Amino acid sequence: MREEFMRTDSQVVEKFVRAATKGLLYSRANRGGTIAILMRNLKVDEKTAAKIYDIGKVAMTVDGSVNESAQKRALDFVARVQGFKDPGPLDKFFDFSLARKTSEQLQAQSWKP
């Protein structure tokens, strides 16, 4: 289903990834603005929102991808929980090529949040 949607509606997928990447870049660059958004959407006070932001910031990558080590840990965890001996290669489960491409395009355009 996922592959079919990506093939048939690739423009929608690209627009979604572009918007998500812009949101990520905004979040990385704008702590105060992001804390305000967290407060509003999570209905928490500023101190709690700031703590959530600071904890989450360490996981925010420049391009929206997840490094190979983190991918492996996640896949190993799922395999262990599900009882799989060998889930197979990472690229069977993870594909950040569109996120990386989008990030590169935004950088080439000098897009700023």
C-alpha atoms as a PDB file:
ATOM      1  CA  MET A   1       0.000   0.000   0.000  1.00  0.00           C
ATOM      2  CA  ARG A   2       2.738   2.469   0.975  1.00  0.00           C
ATOM      3  CA  GLU A   3       4.777   1.837  -2.162  1.00  0.00           C
ATOM      4  CA  GLU A   4       1.671   2.125  -4.325  1.00  0.00           C
ATOM      5  CA  PHE A   5       0.721   5.462  -2.756  1.00  0.00           C
ATOM      6  CA  MET A   6       4.264   6.764  -3.220  1.00  0.00           C
ATOM      7  CA  ARG A   7       4.151   5.762  -6.883  1.00  0.00           C
ATOM      8  CA  THR A   8       0.677   7.047  -7.671  1.00  0.00           C
ATOM      9  CA  ASP A   9       0.760  10.205  -5.538  1.00  0.00           C
ATOM     10  CA  SER A  10       4.458  11.050  -5.489  1.00  0.00           C
ATOM     11  CA  GLN A  11       3.775  14.802  -5.672  1.00  0.00           C
ATOM     12  CA  VAL A  12       1.623  14.637  -2.527  1.00  0.00           C
ATOM     13  CA  VAL A  13       4.326  12.643  -0.765  1.00  0.00           C
ATOM     14  CA  GLU A  14       7.020  15.136  -1.808  1.00  0.00           C
ATOM     15  CA  LYS A  15       4.900  18.096  -0.659  1.00  0.00           C
ATOM     16  CA  PHE A  16       4.291  16.397   2.682  1.00  0.00           C
ATOM     17  CA  VAL A  17       7.996  15.646   3.171  1.00  0.00           C
ATOM     18  CA  ARG A  18       8.912  19.229   2.180  1.00  0.00           C
ATOM     19  CA  ALA A  19       6.444  20.650   4.713  1.00  0.00           C
ATOM     20  CA  ALA A  20       7.658  18.271   7.422  1.00  0.00           C
ATOM     21  CA  THR A  21      11.280  19.210   6.698  1.00  0.00           C
ATOM     22  CA  LYS A  22      10.434  22.911   6.906  1.00  0.00           C
ATOM     23  CA  GLY A  23       8.714  22.262  10.239  1.00  0.00           C
ATOM     24  CA  LEU A  24      11.768  20.409  11.480  1.00  0.00           C
ATOM     25  CA  LEU A  25      14.098  23.210  10.399  1.00  0.00           C
ATOM     26  CA  TYR A  26      11.833  25.781  12.053  1.00  0.00           C
ATOM     27  CA  SER A  27      11.829  23.751  15.276  1.00  0.00           C
ATOM     28  CA  ARG A  28      15.611  23.426  15.294  1.00  0.00           C
ATOM     29  CA  ALA A  29      16.120  27.153  14.697  1.00  0.00           C
ATOM     30  CA  ASN A  30      13.316  28.640  16.790  1.00  0.00           C
ATOM     31  CA  ARG A  31      13.209  27.343  20.361  1.00  0.00           C
ATOM     32  CA  GLY A  32      10.846  30.050  21.640  1.00  0.00           C
ATOM     33  CA  GLY A  33       8.392  29.694  18.777  1.00  0.00           C
ATOM     34  CA  THR A  34       8.414  25.928  19.054  1.00  0.00           C
ATOM     35  CA  ILE A  35       7.844  26.048  22.812  1.00  0.00           C
ATOM     36  CA  ALA A  36       4.802  28.269  22.202  1.00  0.00           C
ATOM     37  CA  ILE A  37       3.470  25.752  19.679  1.00  0.00           C
ATOM     38  CA  LEU A  38       4.054  22.884  22.119  1.00  0.00           C
ATOM     39  CA  MET A  39       2.257  24.780  24.900  1.00  0.00           C
ATOM     40  CA  ARG A  40      -0.746  25.417  22.685  1.00  0.00           C
ATOM     41  CA  ASN A  41      -1.003  21.949  21.150  1.00  0.00           C
ATOM     42  CA  LEU A  42      -0.107  19.860  24.190  1.00  0.00           C
ATOM     43  CA  LYS A  43      -1.886  22.180  26.616  1.00  0.00           C
ATOM     44  CA  VAL A  44       1.095  22.329  28.962  1.00  0.00           C
ATOM     45  CA  ASP A  45       2.827  25.167  30.795  1.00  0.00           C
ATOM     46  CA  GLU A  46       5.943  26.873  29.465  1.00  0.00           C
ATOM     47  CA  LYS A  47       8.336  25.016  31.773  1.00  0.00           C
ATOM     48  CA  THR A  48       6.992  21.630  30.654  1.00  0.00           C
ATOM     49  CA  ALA A  49       7.016  22.640  26.985  1.00  0.00           C
ATOM     50  CA  ALA A  50      10.620  23.827  27.316  1.00  0.00           C
ATOM     51  CA  LYS A  51      11.633  20.531  28.882  1.00  0.00           C
ATOM     52  CA  ILE A  52       9.888  18.598  26.076  1.00  0.00           C
ATOM     53  CA  TYR A  53      11.638  20.756  23.484  1.00  0.00           C
ATOM     54  CA  ASP A  54      15.063  20.355  25.066  1.00  0.00           C
ATOM     55  CA  ILE A  55      14.698  16.570  25.317  1.00  0.00           C
ATOM     56  CA  GLY A  56      13.455  16.310  21.726  1.00  0.00           C
ATOM     57  CA  LYS A  57      16.017  18.705  20.247  1.00  0.00           C
ATOM     58  CA  VAL A  58      18.835  16.181  20.544  1.00  0.00           C
ATOM     59  CA  ALA A  59      16.953  13.879  18.156  1.00  0.00           C
ATOM     60  CA  MET A  60      16.309  16.585  15.539  1.00  0.00           C
ATOM     61  CA  THR A  61      18.577  15.923  12.595  1.00  0.00           C
ATOM     62  CA  VAL A  62      19.408  18.462   9.907  1.00  0.00           C
ATOM     63  CA  ASP A  63      17.606  16.555   7.160  1.00  0.00           C
ATOM     64  CA  GLY A  64      14.932  14.553   8.984  1.00  0.00           C
ATOM     65  CA  SER A  65      16.770  11.265   8.661  1.00  0.00           C
ATOM     66  CA  VAL A  66      17.785   8.858  11.402  1.00  0.00           C
ATOM     67  CA  ASN A  67      21.387   7.680  11.569  1.00  0.00           C
ATOM     68  CA  GLU A  68      22.199   4.060  10.827  1.00  0.00           C
ATOM     69  CA  SER A  69      23.031   3.242  14.441  1.00  0.00           C
ATOM     70  CA  ALA A  70      19.613   4.439  15.650  1.00  0.00           C
ATOM     71  CA  GLN A  71      17.893   2.585  12.794  1.00  0.00           C
ATOM     72  CA  LYS A  72      19.670  -0.616  13.795  1.00  0.00           C
ATOM     73  CA  ARG A  73      18.752  -0.213  17.474  1.00  0.00           C
ATOM     74  CA  ALA A  74      15.093   0.384  16.559  1.00  0.00           C
ATOM     75  CA  LEU A  75      14.983  -2.583  14.207  1.00  0.00           C
ATOM     76  CA  ASP A  76      16.753  -4.841  16.717  1.00  0.00           C
ATOM     77  CA  PHE A  77      14.209  -3.846  19.375  1.00  0.00           C
ATOM     78  CA  VAL A  78      11.244  -4.587  17.111  1.00  0.00           C
ATOM     79  CA  ALA A  79      12.793  -7.879  16.006  1.00  0.00           C
ATOM     80  CA  ARG A  80      13.357  -8.908  19.621  1.00  0.00           C
ATOM     81  CA  VAL A  81       9.806  -7.965  20.666  1.00  0.00           C
ATOM     82  CA  GLN A  82       8.312  -9.727  17.632  1.00  0.00           C
ATOM     83  CA  GLY A  83      10.563 -12.759  17.941  1.00  0.00           C
ATOM     84  CA  PHE A  84      12.364 -12.351  14.594  1.00  0.00           C
ATOM     85  CA  LYS A  85      15.859 -13.788  14.404  1.00  0.00           C
ATOM     86  CA  ASP A  86      17.001 -11.698  11.446  1.00  0.00           C
ATOM     87  CA  PRO A  87      14.709  -8.925  10.180  1.00  0.00           C
ATOM     88  CA  GLY A  88      16.931  -8.293   7.160  1.00  0.00           C
ATOM     89  CA  PRO A  89      18.719  -5.207   5.879  1.00  0.00           C
ATOM     90  CA  LEU A  90      17.922  -1.735   7.197  1.00  0.00           C
ATOM     91  CA  ASP A  91      16.890  -0.466   3.761  1.00  0.00           C
ATOM     92  CA  LYS A  92      14.027  -2.944   3.813  1.00  0.00           C
ATOM     93  CA  PHE A  93      12.505  -0.828   6.606  1.00  0.00           C
ATOM     94  CA  PHE A  94      14.043   2.643   6.324  1.00  0.00           C
ATOM     95  CA  ASP A  95      14.297   4.969   3.345  1.00  0.00           C
ATOM     96  CA  PHE A  96      15.275   8.555   4.002  1.00  0.00           C
ATOM     97  CA  SER A  97      16.236   9.352   0.416  1.00  0.00           C
ATOM     98  CA  LEU A  98      13.306  11.718  -0.123  1.00  0.00           C
ATOM     99  CA  ALA A  99      13.975  13.522   3.163  1.00  0.00           C
ATOM    100  CA  ARG A 100      17.635  13.962   2.227  1.00  0.00           C
ATOM    101  CA  LYS A 101      16.739  15.133  -1.288  1.00  0.00           C
ATOM    102  CA  THR A 102      14.230  17.645   0.073  1.00  0.00           C
ATOM    103  CA  SER A 103      16.719  18.933   2.618  1.00  0.00           C
ATOM    104  CA  GLU A 104      19.359  19.383  -0.082  1.00  0.00           C
ATOM    105  CA  GLN A 105      16.869  21.285  -2.268  1.00  0.00           C
ATOM    106  CA  LEU A 106      15.930  23.614   0.589  1.00  0.00           C
ATOM    107  CA  GLN A 107      19.613  24.260   1.316  1.00  0.00           C
ATOM    108  CA  ALA A 108      20.300  24.955  -2.368  1.00  0.00           C
ATOM    109  CA  GLN A 109      17.424  27.485  -2.297  1.00  0.00           C
ATOM    110  CA  SER A 110      18.871  29.010   0.901  1.00  0.00           C
ATOM    111  CA  TRP A 111      15.479  28.461   2.574  1.00  0.00           C
ATOM    112  CA  LYS A 112      15.343  29.811   6.101  1.00  0.00           C
ATOM    113  CA  PRO A 113      12.649  29.183   8.715  1.00  0.00           C
END
